[in-house]
Amino acid sequence: MACCFSRAALHAVLLACTLAAGCANASIGLQKDGTYTLDSSEQTLDCGRLSNNIWGRLQVLKSLPDKAKVEREAAAPTAVQAVGRWFGGSTKGLASLEEYDREHAHVRSLHRTFIGKGCPPLDIESELAATDAAIAEYR
């Protein structure tokens, strides 16, 4: 009986470890505290690819204020977003603002990795300041 209990306990532990490993992957991306956790492929990029990824995402960020303007002027596509806009103002529930926050955090996380690898510094602050100013009127 002790042998079977040991196996059952072992199976339970293995199942718990498997489930925990699956949950660990859920932490990739935008976090509740506003930070962004990179996936393993992004963490292993070299300086050139990190730089290209950062600059590409900065271009996405630059396009989002115009997207927010169009989105705010259009009717809310879902009832939840309509209620959010009704109670929270016209900027609540704008998908482009959520995308902006996610991409902004992603750029910062990529840049931290870039600097951590000893890559030559990029001036992302001026780029982010300009896009932050442009998106501010839609918040």
C-alpha atoms as a PDB file:
ATOM      1  CA  MET A   1       0.000   0.000   0.000  1.00  0.00           C
ATOM      2  CA  ALA A   2       2.863   2.373   0.815  1.00  0.00           C
ATOM      3  CA  CYS A   3       4.286   1.736  -2.646  1.00  0.00           C
ATOM      4  CA  CYS A   4       1.019   2.705  -4.338  1.00  0.00           C
ATOM      5  CA  PHE A   5       0.675   5.806  -2.166  1.00  0.00           C
ATOM      6  CA  SER A   6       4.168   6.871  -3.161  1.00  0.00           C
ATOM      7  CA  ARG A   7       3.335   6.486  -6.840  1.00  0.00           C
ATOM      8  CA  ALA A   8       0.093   8.390  -6.432  1.00  0.00           C
ATOM      9  CA  ALA A   9       1.945  11.168  -4.633  1.00  0.00           C
ATOM     10  CA  LEU A  10       4.598  11.184  -7.348  1.00  0.00           C
ATOM     11  CA  HIS A  11       1.936  11.435 -10.053  1.00  0.00           C
ATOM     12  CA  ALA A  12       0.274  14.291  -8.195  1.00  0.00           C
ATOM     13  CA  VAL A  13       3.578  16.138  -7.905  1.00  0.00           C
ATOM     14  CA  LEU A  14       4.352  15.587 -11.591  1.00  0.00           C
ATOM     15  CA  LEU A  15       0.891  16.833 -12.562  1.00  0.00           C
ATOM     16  CA  ALA A  16       1.317  19.917 -10.386  1.00  0.00           C
ATOM     17  CA  CYS A  17       4.718  20.644 -11.935  1.00  0.00           C
ATOM     18  CA  THR A  18       3.311  20.235 -15.435  1.00  0.00           C
ATOM     19  CA  LEU A  19       0.437  22.587 -14.677  1.00  0.00           C
ATOM     20  CA  ALA A  20       2.784  25.098 -13.070  1.00  0.00           C
ATOM     21  CA  ALA A  21       5.006  25.064 -16.157  1.00  0.00           C
ATOM     22  CA  GLY A  22       1.949  25.736 -18.310  1.00  0.00           C
ATOM     23  CA  CYS A  23       0.989  28.647 -16.109  1.00  0.00           C
ATOM     24  CA  ALA A  24       4.501  30.054 -16.291  1.00  0.00           C
ATOM     25  CA  ASN A  25       4.019  30.716 -20.012  1.00  0.00           C
ATOM     26  CA  ALA A  26       0.937  32.782 -19.237  1.00  0.00           C
ATOM     27  CA  SER A  27       3.153  35.447 -17.681  1.00  0.00           C
ATOM     28  CA  ILE A  28       4.682  36.471 -21.026  1.00  0.00           C
ATOM     29  CA  GLY A  29       3.485  39.838 -22.328  1.00  0.00           C
ATOM     30  CA  LEU A  30       1.984  42.862 -20.606  1.00  0.00           C
ATOM     31  CA  GLN A  31       1.837  42.468 -16.833  1.00  0.00           C
ATOM     32  CA  LYS A  32      -0.682  43.977 -14.412  1.00  0.00           C
ATOM     33  CA  ASP A  33       1.977  46.387 -13.118  1.00  0.00           C
ATOM     34  CA  GLY A  34       2.517  47.821 -16.619  1.00  0.00           C
ATOM     35  CA  THR A  35       5.781  46.031 -17.335  1.00  0.00           C
ATOM     36  CA  TYR A  36       6.272  43.618 -20.213  1.00  0.00           C
ATOM     37  CA  THR A  37       7.836  40.160 -20.024  1.00  0.00           C
ATOM     38  CA  LEU A  38       9.605  39.118 -23.208  1.00  0.00           C
ATOM     39  CA  ASP A  39       9.361  35.598 -24.545  1.00  0.00           C
ATOM     40  CA  SER A  40      12.493  33.472 -24.769  1.00  0.00           C
ATOM     41  CA  SER A  41      12.997  34.107 -28.493  1.00  0.00           C
ATOM     42  CA  GLU A  42      13.051  37.873 -27.919  1.00  0.00           C
ATOM     43  CA  GLN A  43      15.485  37.527 -25.034  1.00  0.00           C
ATOM     44  CA  THR A  44      17.971  35.703 -27.257  1.00  0.00           C
ATOM     45  CA  LEU A  45      17.963  38.224 -30.131  1.00  0.00           C
ATOM     46  CA  ASP A  46      21.269  39.841 -31.044  1.00  0.00           C
ATOM     47  CA  CYS A  47      21.809  43.617 -31.012  1.00  0.00           C
ATOM     48  CA  GLY A  48      20.844  44.117 -34.655  1.00  0.00           C
ATOM     49  CA  ARG A  49      17.591  42.203 -34.394  1.00  0.00           C
ATOM     50  CA  LEU A  50      16.695  43.835 -31.088  1.00  0.00           C
ATOM     51  CA  SER A  51      17.316  47.248 -32.659  1.00  0.00           C
ATOM     52  CA  ASN A  52      15.114  46.402 -35.656  1.00  0.00           C
ATOM     53  CA  ASN A  53      12.394  45.105 -33.350  1.00  0.00           C
ATOM     54  CA  ILE A  54      12.518  48.265 -31.222  1.00  0.00           C
ATOM     55  CA  TRP A  55      12.386  50.621 -34.222  1.00  0.00           C
ATOM     56  CA  GLY A  56       9.567  48.616 -35.810  1.00  0.00           C
ATOM     57  CA  ARG A  57       7.503  48.827 -32.643  1.00  0.00           C
ATOM     58  CA  LEU A  58       8.212  52.552 -32.385  1.00  0.00           C
ATOM     59  CA  GLN A  59       6.677  52.918 -35.858  1.00  0.00           C
ATOM     60  CA  VAL A  60       3.595  51.043 -34.638  1.00  0.00           C
ATOM     61  CA  LEU A  61       3.404  53.399 -31.637  1.00  0.00           C
ATOM     62  CA  LYS A  62       3.576  56.429 -33.950  1.00  0.00           C
ATOM     63  CA  SER A  63       0.537  55.173 -35.875  1.00  0.00           C
ATOM     64  CA  LEU A  64      -1.653  54.657 -32.814  1.00  0.00           C
ATOM     65  CA  PRO A  65      -2.672  58.281 -32.071  1.00  0.00           C
ATOM     66  CA  ASP A  66      -4.347  58.487 -35.502  1.00  0.00           C
ATOM     67  CA  LYS A  67      -5.953  55.112 -34.898  1.00  0.00           C
ATOM     68  CA  ALA A  68      -7.236  56.329 -31.506  1.00  0.00           C
ATOM     69  CA  LYS A  69      -8.742  59.424 -33.138  1.00  0.00           C
ATOM     70  CA  VAL A  70     -10.633  57.358 -35.713  1.00  0.00           C
ATOM     71  CA  GLU A  71     -11.692  54.875 -33.070  1.00  0.00           C
ATOM     72  CA  ARG A  72     -12.970  57.587 -30.713  1.00  0.00           C
ATOM     73  CA  GLU A  73     -14.996  59.213 -33.488  1.00  0.00           C
ATOM     74  CA  ALA A  74     -16.608  55.894 -34.438  1.00  0.00           C
ATOM     75  CA  ALA A  75     -19.360  54.174 -32.504  1.00  0.00           C
ATOM     76  CA  ALA A  76     -18.143  51.715 -29.885  1.00  0.00           C
ATOM     77  CA  PRO A  77     -18.073  48.216 -31.446  1.00  0.00           C
ATOM     78  CA  THR A  78     -19.230  46.400 -28.306  1.00  0.00           C
ATOM     79  CA  ALA A  79     -21.707  47.091 -25.549  1.00  0.00           C
ATOM     80  CA  VAL A  80     -18.938  46.880 -22.946  1.00  0.00           C
ATOM     81  CA  GLN A  81     -16.922  49.561 -24.723  1.00  0.00           C
ATOM     82  CA  ALA A  82     -20.039  51.707 -25.166  1.00  0.00           C
ATOM     83  CA  VAL A  83     -20.776  51.518 -21.431  1.00  0.00           C
ATOM     84  CA  GLY A  84     -17.116  52.253 -20.670  1.00  0.00           C
ATOM     85  CA  ARG A  85     -17.250  55.350 -22.827  1.00  0.00           C
ATOM     86  CA  TRP A  86     -20.578  56.391 -21.361  1.00  0.00           C
ATOM     87  CA  PHE A  87     -19.415  56.182 -17.747  1.00  0.00           C
ATOM     88  CA  GLY A  88     -15.713  56.790 -18.171  1.00  0.00           C
ATOM     89  CA  GLY A  89     -15.614  59.239 -21.030  1.00  0.00           C
ATOM     90  CA  SER A  90     -14.964  58.913 -24.733  1.00  0.00           C
ATOM     91  CA  THR A  91     -11.496  57.412 -24.260  1.00  0.00           C
ATOM     92  CA  LYS A  92     -12.520  54.455 -22.101  1.00  0.00           C
ATOM     93  CA  GLY A  93     -12.610  51.218 -23.999  1.00  0.00           C
ATOM     94  CA  LEU A  94     -10.443  52.341 -26.915  1.00  0.00           C
ATOM     95  CA  ALA A  95      -8.552  49.296 -28.150  1.00  0.00           C
ATOM     96  CA  SER A  96      -5.834  51.512 -29.609  1.00  0.00           C
ATOM     97  CA  LEU A  97      -5.008  52.869 -26.128  1.00  0.00           C
ATOM     98  CA  GLU A  98      -4.652  49.337 -24.795  1.00  0.00           C
ATOM     99  CA  GLU A  99      -2.447  48.484 -27.780  1.00  0.00           C
ATOM    100  CA  TYR A 100      -0.401  51.627 -27.140  1.00  0.00           C
ATOM    101  CA  ASP A 101       0.207  50.695 -23.502  1.00  0.00           C
ATOM    102  CA  ARG A 102       1.212  47.151 -24.468  1.00  0.00           C
ATOM    103  CA  GLU A 103       3.569  48.266 -27.270  1.00  0.00           C
ATOM    104  CA  HIS A 104       5.062  51.019 -25.090  1.00  0.00           C
ATOM    105  CA  ALA A 105       5.889  48.507 -22.346  1.00  0.00           C
ATOM    106  CA  HIS A 106       7.198  46.068 -24.963  1.00  0.00           C
ATOM    107  CA  VAL A 107       9.590  48.691 -26.387  1.00  0.00           C
ATOM    108  CA  ARG A 108      10.901  49.505 -22.917  1.00  0.00           C
ATOM    109  CA  SER A 109      11.454  45.824 -22.131  1.00  0.00           C
ATOM    110  CA  LEU A 110      13.237  45.220 -25.438  1.00  0.00           C
ATOM    111  CA  HIS A 111      15.412  48.267 -24.778  1.00  0.00           C
ATOM    112  CA  ARG A 112      16.345  47.013 -21.293  1.00  0.00           C
ATOM    113  CA  THR A 113      17.410  43.712 -22.854  1.00  0.00           C
ATOM    114  CA  PHE A 114      19.278  45.618 -25.584  1.00  0.00           C
ATOM    115  CA  ILE A 115      21.235  47.655 -23.017  1.00  0.00           C
ATOM    116  CA  GLY A 116      21.780  44.579 -20.832  1.00  0.00           C
ATOM    117  CA  LYS A 117      23.535  42.860 -23.730  1.00  0.00           C
ATOM    118  CA  GLY A 118      25.967  45.753 -24.057  1.00  0.00           C
ATOM    119  CA  CYS A 119      24.513  46.973 -27.341  1.00  0.00           C
ATOM    120  CA  PRO A 120      25.168  50.619 -28.286  1.00  0.00           C
ATOM    121  CA  PRO A 121      22.462  52.819 -26.721  1.00  0.00           C
ATOM    122  CA  LEU A 122      19.424  53.920 -28.720  1.00  0.00           C
ATOM    123  CA  ASP A 123      17.615  57.179 -28.020  1.00  0.00           C
ATOM    124  CA  ILE A 124      14.144  55.775 -27.515  1.00  0.00           C
ATOM    125  CA  GLU A 125      13.206  58.430 -24.954  1.00  0.00           C
ATOM    126  CA  SER A 126      12.700  61.207 -27.513  1.00  0.00           C
ATOM    127  CA  GLU A 127      10.663  58.859 -29.710  1.00  0.00           C
ATOM    128  CA  LEU A 128       8.524  57.743 -26.772  1.00  0.00           C
ATOM    129  CA  ALA A 129       8.069  61.320 -25.533  1.00  0.00           C
ATOM    130  CA  ALA A 130       6.736  62.390 -28.925  1.00  0.00           C
ATOM    131  CA  THR A 131       4.282  59.494 -29.152  1.00  0.00           C
ATOM    132  CA  ASP A 132       3.249  59.904 -25.501  1.00  0.00           C
ATOM    133  CA  ALA A 133       2.406  63.554 -26.213  1.00  0.00           C
ATOM    134  CA  ALA A 134       0.445  62.633 -29.338  1.00  0.00           C
ATOM    135  CA  ILE A 135      -1.620  59.925 -27.615  1.00  0.00           C
ATOM    136  CA  ALA A 136      -2.243  62.000 -24.454  1.00  0.00           C
ATOM    137  CA  GLU A 137      -5.248  63.836 -25.893  1.00  0.00           C
ATOM    138  CA  TYR A 138      -7.083  60.519 -26.313  1.00  0.00           C
ATOM    139  CA  ARG A 139      -6.635  59.428 -22.708  1.00  0.00           C
END
